[in-house]
């Protein structure tokens, strides 16, 4: 048996019978080596792995459609968008030499940018861990493609998805712990933020013995995410009146951590859709929380009211939540 045959059998047996995979990494790396005369740099292998990463492709599909494609098509008229593609306007009128020169100009523009910003991807390396492309898109969409700190648009400055509480301090990859930051704000937060996050993860488990919301019977829960639950109000103002409650024992809305606010708002959205599906006569909502005794709070564990409203449920709904002080409701 030849040496080459022995190597083939060894590799074939390994790939078919011995390879234990938690991801596609091993066969992708071997394929890269086999297609590159048996040798490949770390960067070449990394590129091969990246080519199989569908979440990154999804992420850059959204970048294409929401950012660069929009600028070149809507704002500049350089390209035209069809359903799933872009076309360069006037491409057929360019000679091959003109196309080559334009490619050179693009290369030069990239080089000039990289010279000014020696490492424009550094903000990515500073983030604590990989976030799938589809989740990145949801976070950017929730932020309306603007930095949630300075407000700059994604069209003006690249946005990154940041862990509010870093992974190494107990932060998780759920959407409520993620925020959209431009690369400048993200770098500033990472480099200069001296907030001590130690122990915050444990605070999410804070419960108060005797609190009716901390000791909520499971059968009352109609919706839930990692940090909040939803129940029907025990003394409903209208049918399907719902409460969204953070799991942590916390006095009022203003004491919530940002991930808890995100979780509560996400569950409010879910409950709104469920109420509308259960009762199509619901045509409006009052949303609010009592914060403090003088604001009417009686249970000092934060809870947000979601009250479905129907046409004609009161004689004059004008003013809505202004009715907490009755003579100020109408104006």
C-alpha atoms as a PDB file:
ATOM      1  CA  UNK A   1       0.000   0.000   0.000  1.00  0.00           C
ATOM      2  CA  UNK A   2       1.407   3.369  -1.027  1.00  0.00           C
ATOM      3  CA  UNK A   3       2.079   6.140   1.437  1.00  0.00           C
ATOM      4  CA  UNK A   4      -0.481   8.397  -0.301  1.00  0.00           C
ATOM      5  CA  UNK A   5      -3.106   5.667  -0.030  1.00  0.00           C
ATOM      6  CA  UNK A   6      -2.360   5.290   3.698  1.00  0.00           C
ATOM      7  CA  UNK A   7      -2.766   9.049   4.257  1.00  0.00           C
ATOM      8  CA  UNK A   8      -6.008   9.043   2.256  1.00  0.00           C
ATOM      9  CA  UNK A   9      -7.424   6.176   4.298  1.00  0.00           C
ATOM     10  CA  UNK A  10      -6.393   7.868   7.564  1.00  0.00           C
ATOM     11  CA  UNK A  11      -8.047  11.154   6.607  1.00  0.00           C
ATOM     12  CA  UNK A  12     -11.092   9.470   5.111  1.00  0.00           C
ATOM     13  CA  UNK A  13     -11.608   7.374   8.248  1.00  0.00           C
ATOM     14  CA  UNK A  14     -11.106  10.380  10.495  1.00  0.00           C
ATOM     15  CA  UNK A  15     -13.614  12.522   8.584  1.00  0.00           C
ATOM     16  CA  UNK A  16     -16.239   9.812   8.271  1.00  0.00           C
ATOM     17  CA  UNK A  17     -15.904   7.953  11.564  1.00  0.00           C
ATOM     18  CA  UNK A  18     -13.749   9.726  14.136  1.00  0.00           C
ATOM     19  CA  UNK A  19     -14.589  13.387  13.707  1.00  0.00           C
ATOM     20  CA  UNK A  20     -16.753  14.641  16.596  1.00  0.00           C
ATOM     21  CA  UNK A  21     -18.251  17.988  15.756  1.00  0.00           C
ATOM     22  CA  UNK A  22     -19.761  20.731  17.887  1.00  0.00           C
ATOM     23  CA  UNK A  23     -19.580  23.007  14.829  1.00  0.00           C
ATOM     24  CA  UNK A  24     -18.429  22.952  11.178  1.00  0.00           C
ATOM     25  CA  UNK A  25     -14.925  24.147  12.047  1.00  0.00           C
ATOM     26  CA  UNK A  26     -12.942  20.925  11.565  1.00  0.00           C
ATOM     27  CA  UNK A  27     -14.176  19.966   8.073  1.00  0.00           C
ATOM     28  CA  UNK A  28     -13.975  23.608   6.929  1.00  0.00           C
ATOM     29  CA  UNK A  29     -10.343  23.832   8.031  1.00  0.00           C
ATOM     30  CA  UNK A  30      -9.445  20.528   6.404  1.00  0.00           C
ATOM     31  CA  UNK A  31     -11.172  21.568   3.189  1.00  0.00           C
ATOM     32  CA  UNK A  32      -9.219  24.838   3.178  1.00  0.00           C
ATOM     33  CA  UNK A  33      -5.955  22.916   3.532  1.00  0.00           C
ATOM     34  CA  UNK A  34      -6.907  20.377   0.863  1.00  0.00           C
ATOM     35  CA  UNK A  35      -7.865  23.070  -1.640  1.00  0.00           C
ATOM     36  CA  UNK A  36      -4.737  25.140  -0.964  1.00  0.00           C
ATOM     37  CA  UNK A  37      -2.066  22.524  -1.677  1.00  0.00           C
ATOM     38  CA  UNK A  38      -2.013  21.307   1.901  1.00  0.00           C
ATOM     39  CA  UNK A  39      -1.103  24.587   3.614  1.00  0.00           C
ATOM     40  CA  UNK A  40      -2.999  27.700   4.635  1.00  0.00           C
ATOM     41  CA  UNK A  41      -2.361  30.655   6.894  1.00  0.00           C
ATOM     42  CA  UNK A  42      -4.451  31.284   9.999  1.00  0.00           C
ATOM     43  CA  UNK A  43      -6.075  34.200   8.162  1.00  0.00           C
ATOM     44  CA  UNK A  44      -6.982  32.021   5.185  1.00  0.00           C
ATOM     45  CA  UNK A  45      -8.541  29.426   7.478  1.00  0.00           C
ATOM     46  CA  UNK A  46     -10.392  32.175   9.356  1.00  0.00           C
ATOM     47  CA  UNK A  47     -11.789  33.445   6.053  1.00  0.00           C
ATOM     48  CA  UNK A  48     -12.934  29.933   5.183  1.00  0.00           C
ATOM     49  CA  UNK A  49     -14.725  29.675   8.536  1.00  0.00           C
ATOM     50  CA  UNK A  50     -16.297  33.080   8.050  1.00  0.00           C
ATOM     51  CA  UNK A  51     -17.636  32.051   4.629  1.00  0.00           C
ATOM     52  CA  UNK A  52     -19.742  29.397   6.400  1.00  0.00           C
ATOM     53  CA  UNK A  53     -21.054  31.729   9.102  1.00  0.00           C
ATOM     54  CA  UNK A  54     -24.623  32.402   8.015  1.00  0.00           C
ATOM     55  CA  UNK A  55     -25.334  34.756  10.911  1.00  0.00           C
ATOM     56  CA  UNK A  56     -22.528  37.069   9.787  1.00  0.00           C
ATOM     57  CA  UNK A  57     -23.867  36.938   6.249  1.00  0.00           C
ATOM     58  CA  UNK A  58     -27.326  37.848   7.598  1.00  0.00           C
ATOM     59  CA  UNK A  59     -25.788  40.710   9.562  1.00  0.00           C
ATOM     60  CA  UNK A  60     -24.044  42.160   6.519  1.00  0.00           C
ATOM     61  CA  UNK A  61     -27.142  41.642   4.407  1.00  0.00           C
ATOM     62  CA  UNK A  62     -28.886  44.034   6.778  1.00  0.00           C
ATOM     63  CA  UNK A  63     -25.924  46.435   6.684  1.00  0.00           C
ATOM     64  CA  UNK A  64     -26.167  46.360   2.878  1.00  0.00           C
ATOM     65  CA  UNK A  65     -29.896  47.048   2.778  1.00  0.00           C
ATOM     66  CA  UNK A  66     -30.207  49.458   5.686  1.00  0.00           C
ATOM     67  CA  UNK A  67     -26.973  51.399   5.378  1.00  0.00           C
ATOM     68  CA  UNK A  68     -24.656  51.329   2.368  1.00  0.00           C
ATOM     69  CA  UNK A  69     -27.320  50.232  -0.115  1.00  0.00           C
ATOM     70  CA  UNK A  70     -29.669  52.956   1.087  1.00  0.00           C
ATOM     71  CA  UNK A  71     -26.984  55.641   0.805  1.00  0.00           C
ATOM     72  CA  UNK A  72     -25.913  54.662  -2.713  1.00  0.00           C
ATOM     73  CA  UNK A  73     -29.461  54.078  -3.980  1.00  0.00           C
ATOM     74  CA  UNK A  74     -31.852  56.454  -2.215  1.00  0.00           C
ATOM     75  CA  UNK A  75     -29.506  59.255  -1.207  1.00  0.00           C
ATOM     76  CA  UNK A  76     -27.047  59.304  -4.116  1.00  0.00           C
ATOM     77  CA  UNK A  77     -28.727  57.603  -7.068  1.00  0.00           C
ATOM     78  CA  UNK A  78     -25.544  55.687  -7.895  1.00  0.00           C
ATOM     79  CA  UNK A  79     -27.227  52.274  -7.750  1.00  0.00           C
ATOM     80  CA  UNK A  80     -30.672  50.806  -8.310  1.00  0.00           C
ATOM     81  CA  UNK A  81     -32.234  48.203  -6.029  1.00  0.00           C
ATOM     82  CA  UNK A  82     -34.287  45.298  -7.280  1.00  0.00           C
ATOM     83  CA  UNK A  83     -35.878  42.767  -4.937  1.00  0.00           C
ATOM     84  CA  UNK A  84     -32.705  41.049  -3.757  1.00  0.00           C
ATOM     85  CA  UNK A  85     -29.963  42.743  -5.739  1.00  0.00           C
ATOM     86  CA  UNK A  86     -28.355  46.052  -6.635  1.00  0.00           C
ATOM     87  CA  UNK A  87     -27.271  47.295 -10.040  1.00  0.00           C
ATOM     88  CA  UNK A  88     -24.703  49.984 -10.806  1.00  0.00           C
ATOM     89  CA  UNK A  89     -26.418  52.608 -12.931  1.00  0.00           C
ATOM     90  CA  UNK A  90     -24.764  52.968 -16.353  1.00  0.00           C
ATOM     91  CA  UNK A  91     -22.439  49.994 -15.897  1.00  0.00           C
ATOM     92  CA  UNK A  92     -22.854  48.823 -19.504  1.00  0.00           C
ATOM     93  CA  UNK A  93     -21.588  52.189 -20.773  1.00  0.00           C
ATOM     94  CA  UNK A  94     -18.219  51.802 -19.035  1.00  0.00           C
ATOM     95  CA  UNK A  95     -15.250  50.410 -20.927  1.00  0.00           C
ATOM     96  CA  UNK A  96     -13.099  47.730 -19.299  1.00  0.00           C
ATOM     97  CA  UNK A  97     -10.293  50.212 -18.737  1.00  0.00           C
ATOM     98  CA  UNK A  98     -12.728  52.642 -17.079  1.00  0.00           C
ATOM     99  CA  UNK A  99     -14.008  49.867 -14.823  1.00  0.00           C
ATOM    100  CA  UNK A 100     -10.441  48.940 -13.888  1.00  0.00           C
ATOM    101  CA  UNK A 101      -9.643  52.562 -13.068  1.00  0.00           C
ATOM    102  CA  UNK A 102     -12.757  52.874 -10.916  1.00  0.00           C
ATOM    103  CA  UNK A 103     -11.801  49.691  -9.046  1.00  0.00           C
ATOM    104  CA  UNK A 104      -8.371  51.212  -8.416  1.00  0.00           C
ATOM    105  CA  UNK A 105     -10.025  54.372  -7.093  1.00  0.00           C
ATOM    106  CA  UNK A 106     -12.152  52.266  -4.718  1.00  0.00           C
ATOM    107  CA  UNK A 107      -9.044  50.440  -3.513  1.00  0.00           C
ATOM    108  CA  UNK A 108      -7.308  53.773  -2.967  1.00  0.00           C
ATOM    109  CA  UNK A 109     -10.284  55.122  -1.003  1.00  0.00           C
ATOM    110  CA  UNK A 110     -10.245  52.052   1.249  1.00  0.00           C
ATOM    111  CA  UNK A 111      -6.493  52.407   1.788  1.00  0.00           C
ATOM    112  CA  UNK A 112      -6.836  56.109   2.667  1.00  0.00           C
ATOM    113  CA  UNK A 113      -9.556  55.329   5.197  1.00  0.00           C
ATOM    114  CA  UNK A 114      -7.520  52.543   6.775  1.00  0.00           C
ATOM    115  CA  UNK A 115      -4.532  54.879   7.005  1.00  0.00           C
ATOM    116  CA  UNK A 116      -6.624  57.443   8.897  1.00  0.00           C
ATOM    117  CA  UNK A 117      -8.249  54.793  11.056  1.00  0.00           C
ATOM    118  CA  UNK A 118      -5.525  52.203  11.492  1.00  0.00           C
ATOM    119  CA  UNK A 119      -7.941  49.611  12.854  1.00  0.00           C
ATOM    120  CA  UNK A 120     -11.584  50.459  12.120  1.00  0.00           C
ATOM    121  CA  UNK A 121     -12.700  47.072  13.465  1.00  0.00           C
ATOM    122  CA  UNK A 122     -11.126  47.516  16.893  1.00  0.00           C
ATOM    123  CA  UNK A 123     -14.516  48.274  18.425  1.00  0.00           C
ATOM    124  CA  UNK A 124     -15.590  44.768  17.393  1.00  0.00           C
ATOM    125  CA  UNK A 125     -12.619  43.149  19.086  1.00  0.00           C
ATOM    126  CA  UNK A 126     -13.385  45.029  22.281  1.00  0.00           C
ATOM    127  CA  UNK A 127     -16.898  43.614  22.589  1.00  0.00           C
ATOM    128  CA  UNK A 128     -17.342  40.715  24.960  1.00  0.00           C
ATOM    129  CA  UNK A 129     -18.148  37.824  22.685  1.00  0.00           C
ATOM    130  CA  UNK A 130     -19.883  36.929  19.481  1.00  0.00           C
ATOM    131  CA  UNK A 131     -23.496  37.968  18.881  1.00  0.00           C
ATOM    132  CA  UNK A 132     -25.363  36.207  16.040  1.00  0.00           C
ATOM    133  CA  UNK A 133     -26.256  38.333  13.039  1.00  0.00           C
ATOM    134  CA  UNK A 134     -30.017  37.929  13.399  1.00  0.00           C
ATOM    135  CA  UNK A 135     -29.855  39.091  17.016  1.00  0.00           C
ATOM    136  CA  UNK A 136     -27.617  42.005  16.006  1.00  0.00           C
ATOM    137  CA  UNK A 137     -30.243  43.050  13.489  1.00  0.00           C
ATOM    138  CA  UNK A 138     -33.067  42.908  16.055  1.00  0.00           C
ATOM    139  CA  UNK A 139     -31.094  45.110  18.456  1.00  0.00           C
ATOM    140  CA  UNK A 140     -30.267  47.628  15.700  1.00  0.00           C
ATOM    141  CA  UNK A 141     -33.885  47.599  14.528  1.00  0.00           C
ATOM    142  CA  UNK A 142     -35.148  48.234  18.071  1.00  0.00           C
ATOM    143  CA  UNK A 143     -32.797  51.222  18.274  1.00  0.00           C
ATOM    144  CA  UNK A 144     -34.091  52.479  14.909  1.00  0.00           C
ATOM    145  CA  UNK A 145     -30.522  52.194  13.602  1.00  0.00           C
ATOM    146  CA  UNK A 146     -29.278  54.978  15.861  1.00  0.00           C
ATOM    147  CA  UNK A 147     -26.725  54.946  18.665  1.00  0.00           C
ATOM    148  CA  UNK A 148     -28.641  54.595  21.920  1.00  0.00           C
ATOM    149  CA  UNK A 149     -26.139  56.861  23.694  1.00  0.00           C
ATOM    150  CA  UNK A 150     -25.405  59.789  21.363  1.00  0.00           C
ATOM    151  CA  UNK A 151     -28.244  59.279  18.850  1.00  0.00           C
ATOM    152  CA  UNK A 152     -26.123  59.359  15.682  1.00  0.00           C
ATOM    153  CA  UNK A 153     -27.557  57.505  12.687  1.00  0.00           C
ATOM    154  CA  UNK A 154     -26.053  54.262  11.360  1.00  0.00           C
ATOM    155  CA  UNK A 155     -25.700  56.056   8.017  1.00  0.00           C
ATOM    156  CA  UNK A 156     -23.241  58.492   9.596  1.00  0.00           C
ATOM    157  CA  UNK A 157     -21.256  56.171  11.845  1.00  0.00           C
ATOM    158  CA  UNK A 158     -20.991  52.385  12.084  1.00  0.00           C
ATOM    159  CA  UNK A 159     -23.038  50.850  14.900  1.00  0.00           C
ATOM    160  CA  UNK A 160     -21.996  47.929  17.096  1.00  0.00           C
ATOM    161  CA  UNK A 161     -24.058  45.752  19.401  1.00  0.00           C
ATOM    162  CA  UNK A 162     -22.767  46.115  22.958  1.00  0.00           C
ATOM    163  CA  UNK A 163     -23.372  44.027  26.074  1.00  0.00           C
ATOM    164  CA  UNK A 164     -24.835  46.392  28.679  1.00  0.00           C
ATOM    165  CA  UNK A 165     -23.526  44.142  31.431  1.00  0.00           C
ATOM    166  CA  UNK A 166     -20.382  42.519  30.006  1.00  0.00           C
ATOM    167  CA  UNK A 167     -20.212  38.765  29.684  1.00  0.00           C
ATOM    168  CA  UNK A 168     -17.304  38.555  32.093  1.00  0.00           C
ATOM    169  CA  UNK A 169     -19.503  40.213  34.735  1.00  0.00           C
ATOM    170  CA  UNK A 170     -22.415  37.834  34.234  1.00  0.00           C
ATOM    171  CA  UNK A 171     -24.085  39.518  31.270  1.00  0.00           C
ATOM    172  CA  UNK A 172     -26.044  37.296  28.895  1.00  0.00           C
ATOM    173  CA  UNK A 173     -26.611  37.354  25.144  1.00  0.00           C
ATOM    174  CA  UNK A 174     -30.370  38.009  25.331  1.00  0.00           C
ATOM    175  CA  UNK A 175     -31.705  41.092  23.542  1.00  0.00           C
ATOM    176  CA  UNK A 176     -32.556  42.861  26.805  1.00  0.00           C
ATOM    177  CA  UNK A 177     -28.845  42.965  27.692  1.00  0.00           C
ATOM    178  CA  UNK A 178     -27.777  44.356  24.329  1.00  0.00           C
ATOM    179  CA  UNK A 179     -27.756  47.914  23.035  1.00  0.00           C
ATOM    180  CA  UNK A 180     -26.766  49.646  19.817  1.00  0.00           C
ATOM    181  CA  UNK A 181     -23.781  51.965  20.193  1.00  0.00           C
ATOM    182  CA  UNK A 182     -21.757  53.751  17.561  1.00  0.00           C
ATOM    183  CA  UNK A 183     -18.120  52.677  17.508  1.00  0.00           C
ATOM    184  CA  UNK A 184     -17.070  55.896  19.283  1.00  0.00           C
ATOM    185  CA  UNK A 185     -19.494  55.515  22.196  1.00  0.00           C
ATOM    186  CA  UNK A 186     -18.746  51.826  22.448  1.00  0.00           C
ATOM    187  CA  UNK A 187     -14.997  52.444  22.582  1.00  0.00           C
ATOM    188  CA  UNK A 188     -15.486  55.191  25.188  1.00  0.00           C
ATOM    189  CA  UNK A 189     -17.684  52.960  27.312  1.00  0.00           C
ATOM    190  CA  UNK A 190     -15.191  50.137  27.134  1.00  0.00           C
ATOM    191  CA  UNK A 191     -12.100  52.232  27.810  1.00  0.00           C
ATOM    192  CA  UNK A 192     -13.298  54.694  30.428  1.00  0.00           C
ATOM    193  CA  UNK A 193     -16.386  53.332  32.157  1.00  0.00           C
ATOM    194  CA  UNK A 194     -15.321  52.642  35.733  1.00  0.00           C
ATOM    195  CA  UNK A 195     -18.687  51.277  36.884  1.00  0.00           C
ATOM    196  CA  UNK A 196     -18.163  48.262  39.138  1.00  0.00           C
ATOM    197  CA  UNK A 197     -20.416  45.573  37.678  1.00  0.00           C
ATOM    198  CA  UNK A 198     -19.350  42.954  40.223  1.00  0.00           C
ATOM    199  CA  UNK A 199     -22.350  41.508  42.016  1.00  0.00           C
ATOM    200  CA  UNK A 200     -24.952  42.930  39.616  1.00  0.00           C
ATOM    201  CA  UNK A 201     -25.756  39.496  38.222  1.00  0.00           C
ATOM    202  CA  UNK A 202     -26.577  38.298  41.731  1.00  0.00           C
ATOM    203  CA  UNK A 203     -28.938  41.250  42.274  1.00  0.00           C
ATOM    204  CA  UNK A 204     -31.242  39.901  39.570  1.00  0.00           C
ATOM    205  CA  UNK A 205     -32.083  37.122  42.019  1.00  0.00           C
ATOM    206  CA  UNK A 206     -33.181  39.546  44.769  1.00  0.00           C
ATOM    207  CA  UNK A 207     -36.583  38.555  46.208  1.00  0.00           C
ATOM    208  CA  UNK A 208     -38.491  39.888  49.207  1.00  0.00           C
ATOM    209  CA  UNK A 209     -40.238  37.377  51.501  1.00  0.00           C
ATOM    210  CA  UNK A 210     -43.901  38.259  51.784  1.00  0.00           C
ATOM    211  CA  UNK A 211     -43.980  40.358  48.580  1.00  0.00           C
ATOM    212  CA  UNK A 212     -46.998  39.317  46.529  1.00  0.00           C
ATOM    213  CA  UNK A 213     -45.074  39.727  43.284  1.00  0.00           C
ATOM    214  CA  UNK A 214     -41.916  37.978  44.497  1.00  0.00           C
ATOM    215  CA  UNK A 215     -44.038  35.004  45.583  1.00  0.00           C
ATOM    216  CA  UNK A 216     -46.261  34.979  42.503  1.00  0.00           C
ATOM    217  CA  UNK A 217     -48.082  31.635  42.010  1.00  0.00           C
ATOM    218  CA  UNK A 218     -46.925  30.095  38.744  1.00  0.00           C
ATOM    219  CA  UNK A 219     -50.497  29.586  37.551  1.00  0.00           C
ATOM    220  CA  UNK A 220     -51.031  33.357  37.408  1.00  0.00           C
ATOM    221  CA  UNK A 221     -48.154  33.947  34.983  1.00  0.00           C
ATOM    222  CA  UNK A 222     -49.367  34.426  31.386  1.00  0.00           C
ATOM    223  CA  UNK A 223     -46.098  35.642  29.856  1.00  0.00           C
ATOM    224  CA  UNK A 224     -42.438  35.614  30.774  1.00  0.00           C
ATOM    225  CA  UNK A 225     -38.906  36.368  29.689  1.00  0.00           C
ATOM    226  CA  UNK A 226     -35.659  36.068  31.597  1.00  0.00           C
ATOM    227  CA  UNK A 227     -36.168  39.179  33.739  1.00  0.00           C
ATOM    228  CA  UNK A 228     -39.904  39.856  33.849  1.00  0.00           C
ATOM    229  CA  UNK A 229     -43.324  38.217  34.033  1.00  0.00           C
ATOM    230  CA  UNK A 230     -46.864  39.191  33.019  1.00  0.00           C
ATOM    231  CA  UNK A 231     -50.079  38.518  34.900  1.00  0.00           C
ATOM    232  CA  UNK A 232     -53.674  39.701  34.721  1.00  0.00           C
ATOM    233  CA  UNK A 233     -54.445  42.430  37.253  1.00  0.00           C
ATOM    234  CA  UNK A 234     -56.343  41.123  40.287  1.00  0.00           C
ATOM    235  CA  UNK A 235     -58.619  44.173  40.241  1.00  0.00           C
ATOM    236  CA  UNK A 236     -58.866  44.987  36.517  1.00  0.00           C
ATOM    237  CA  UNK A 237     -59.818  48.432  35.291  1.00  0.00           C
ATOM    238  CA  UNK A 238     -60.952  46.889  31.993  1.00  0.00           C
ATOM    239  CA  UNK A 239     -61.057  43.366  30.615  1.00  0.00           C
ATOM    240  CA  UNK A 240     -57.607  41.773  30.084  1.00  0.00           C
ATOM    241  CA  UNK A 241     -55.905  44.468  32.211  1.00  0.00           C
ATOM    242  CA  UNK A 242     -52.334  43.168  32.445  1.00  0.00           C
ATOM    243  CA  UNK A 243     -49.352  43.829  34.701  1.00  0.00           C
ATOM    244  CA  UNK A 244     -45.745  43.404  33.575  1.00  0.00           C
ATOM    245  CA  UNK A 245     -43.477  42.891  36.571  1.00  0.00           C
ATOM    246  CA  UNK A 246     -39.680  42.626  36.880  1.00  0.00           C
ATOM    247  CA  UNK A 247     -38.649  39.442  38.674  1.00  0.00           C
ATOM    248  CA  UNK A 248     -36.157  41.268  40.872  1.00  0.00           C
ATOM    249  CA  UNK A 249     -37.632  42.928  43.939  1.00  0.00           C
ATOM    250  CA  UNK A 250     -37.226  46.595  43.071  1.00  0.00           C
ATOM    251  CA  UNK A 251     -39.317  49.501  44.316  1.00  0.00           C
ATOM    252  CA  UNK A 252     -40.304  51.331  41.155  1.00  0.00           C
ATOM    253  CA  UNK A 253     -39.633  51.796  37.457  1.00  0.00           C
ATOM    254  CA  UNK A 254     -36.821  54.290  37.987  1.00  0.00           C
ATOM    255  CA  UNK A 255     -34.808  51.740  39.983  1.00  0.00           C
ATOM    256  CA  UNK A 256     -34.744  49.195  37.164  1.00  0.00           C
ATOM    257  CA  UNK A 257     -31.448  48.248  35.535  1.00  0.00           C
ATOM    258  CA  UNK A 258     -31.397  48.960  31.799  1.00  0.00           C
ATOM    259  CA  UNK A 259     -31.663  45.252  30.864  1.00  0.00           C
ATOM    260  CA  UNK A 260     -34.774  45.027  33.068  1.00  0.00           C
ATOM    261  CA  UNK A 261     -36.315  48.018  31.313  1.00  0.00           C
ATOM    262  CA  UNK A 262     -35.629  46.345  27.991  1.00  0.00           C
ATOM    263  CA  UNK A 263     -37.188  43.101  29.243  1.00  0.00           C
ATOM    264  CA  UNK A 264     -40.293  44.873  30.579  1.00  0.00           C
ATOM    265  CA  UNK A 265     -40.802  46.830  27.359  1.00  0.00           C
ATOM    266  CA  UNK A 266     -40.348  43.676  25.288  1.00  0.00           C
ATOM    267  CA  UNK A 267     -42.981  41.838  27.333  1.00  0.00           C
ATOM    268  CA  UNK A 268     -45.340  44.822  27.104  1.00  0.00           C
ATOM    269  CA  UNK A 269     -45.131  44.540  23.321  1.00  0.00           C
ATOM    270  CA  UNK A 270     -45.908  40.820  23.479  1.00  0.00           C
ATOM    271  CA  UNK A 271     -48.860  41.318  25.819  1.00  0.00           C
ATOM    272  CA  UNK A 272     -50.268  44.148  23.693  1.00  0.00           C
ATOM    273  CA  UNK A 273     -50.374  41.858  20.664  1.00  0.00           C
ATOM    274  CA  UNK A 274     -51.950  39.040  22.682  1.00  0.00           C
ATOM    275  CA  UNK A 275     -54.654  41.335  24.060  1.00  0.00           C
ATOM    276  CA  UNK A 276     -55.491  42.649  20.603  1.00  0.00           C
ATOM    277  CA  UNK A 277     -55.639  39.092  19.270  1.00  0.00           C
ATOM    278  CA  UNK A 278     -57.865  37.934  22.145  1.00  0.00           C
ATOM    279  CA  UNK A 279     -60.187  40.946  21.895  1.00  0.00           C
ATOM    280  CA  UNK A 280     -60.321  42.838  18.571  1.00  0.00           C
ATOM    281  CA  UNK A 281     -62.530  45.499  20.197  1.00  0.00           C
ATOM    282  CA  UNK A 282     -59.444  46.827  22.009  1.00  0.00           C
ATOM    283  CA  UNK A 283     -58.472  49.908  20.009  1.00  0.00           C
ATOM    284  CA  UNK A 284     -56.151  51.715  22.415  1.00  0.00           C
ATOM    285  CA  UNK A 285     -54.048  51.306  25.539  1.00  0.00           C
ATOM    286  CA  UNK A 286     -53.067  53.150  28.672  1.00  0.00           C
ATOM    287  CA  UNK A 287     -49.565  52.212  29.798  1.00  0.00           C
ATOM    288  CA  UNK A 288     -48.138  53.410  33.088  1.00  0.00           C
ATOM    289  CA  UNK A 289     -46.510  52.753  36.427  1.00  0.00           C
ATOM    290  CA  UNK A 290     -47.094  54.305  39.838  1.00  0.00           C
ATOM    291  CA  UNK A 291     -43.748  55.350  41.308  1.00  0.00           C
ATOM    292  CA  UNK A 292     -44.011  56.282  44.978  1.00  0.00           C
ATOM    293  CA  UNK A 293     -46.741  56.537  47.597  1.00  0.00           C
ATOM    294  CA  UNK A 294     -47.770  60.039  46.531  1.00  0.00           C
ATOM    295  CA  UNK A 295     -48.233  58.750  42.975  1.00  0.00           C
ATOM    296  CA  UNK A 296     -50.653  56.118  44.241  1.00  0.00           C
ATOM    297  CA  UNK A 297     -48.308  53.148  44.499  1.00  0.00           C
ATOM    298  CA  UNK A 298     -49.567  50.582  47.025  1.00  0.00           C
ATOM    299  CA  UNK A 299     -47.416  47.549  46.177  1.00  0.00           C
ATOM    300  CA  UNK A 300     -43.774  48.581  46.372  1.00  0.00           C
ATOM    301  CA  UNK A 301     -42.509  46.141  43.795  1.00  0.00           C
ATOM    302  CA  UNK A 302     -42.353  47.774  40.382  1.00  0.00           C
ATOM    303  CA  UNK A 303     -45.183  46.854  38.015  1.00  0.00           C
ATOM    304  CA  UNK A 304     -46.343  48.405  34.757  1.00  0.00           C
ATOM    305  CA  UNK A 305     -50.047  48.522  33.889  1.00  0.00           C
ATOM    306  CA  UNK A 306     -51.204  47.679  30.368  1.00  0.00           C
ATOM    307  CA  UNK A 307     -54.865  48.647  30.174  1.00  0.00           C
ATOM    308  CA  UNK A 308     -56.778  47.907  26.992  1.00  0.00           C
ATOM    309  CA  UNK A 309     -59.257  50.558  25.950  1.00  0.00           C
ATOM    310  CA  UNK A 310     -62.378  50.157  23.866  1.00  0.00           C
ATOM    311  CA  UNK A 311     -64.504  52.670  22.026  1.00  0.00           C
ATOM    312  CA  UNK A 312     -67.170  54.052  24.376  1.00  0.00           C
ATOM    313  CA  UNK A 313     -65.754  52.505  27.584  1.00  0.00           C
ATOM    314  CA  UNK A 314     -65.957  56.010  29.116  1.00  0.00           C
ATOM    315  CA  UNK A 315     -67.939  59.026  28.017  1.00  0.00           C
ATOM    316  CA  UNK A 316     -64.878  61.160  27.237  1.00  0.00           C
ATOM    317  CA  UNK A 317     -61.442  59.477  27.126  1.00  0.00           C
ATOM    318  CA  UNK A 318     -59.667  62.718  26.188  1.00  0.00           C
ATOM    319  CA  UNK A 319     -56.574  63.275  28.361  1.00  0.00           C
ATOM    320  CA  UNK A 320     -56.033  59.602  29.195  1.00  0.00           C
ATOM    321  CA  UNK A 321     -53.498  59.199  31.997  1.00  0.00           C
ATOM    322  CA  UNK A 322     -53.870  62.878  32.882  1.00  0.00           C
ATOM    323  CA  UNK A 323     -56.943  61.607  34.739  1.00  0.00           C
ATOM    324  CA  UNK A 324     -54.750  60.624  37.693  1.00  0.00           C
ATOM    325  CA  UNK A 325     -55.588  64.189  38.765  1.00  0.00           C
ATOM    326  CA  UNK A 326     -59.251  64.290  37.674  1.00  0.00           C
ATOM    327  CA  UNK A 327     -59.715  68.034  37.208  1.00  0.00           C
ATOM    328  CA  UNK A 328     -56.624  68.108  34.956  1.00  0.00           C
ATOM    329  CA  UNK A 329     -57.760  65.368  32.576  1.00  0.00           C
ATOM    330  CA  UNK A 330     -59.663  67.579  30.133  1.00  0.00           C
ATOM    331  CA  UNK A 331     -57.891  70.493  28.502  1.00  0.00           C
END
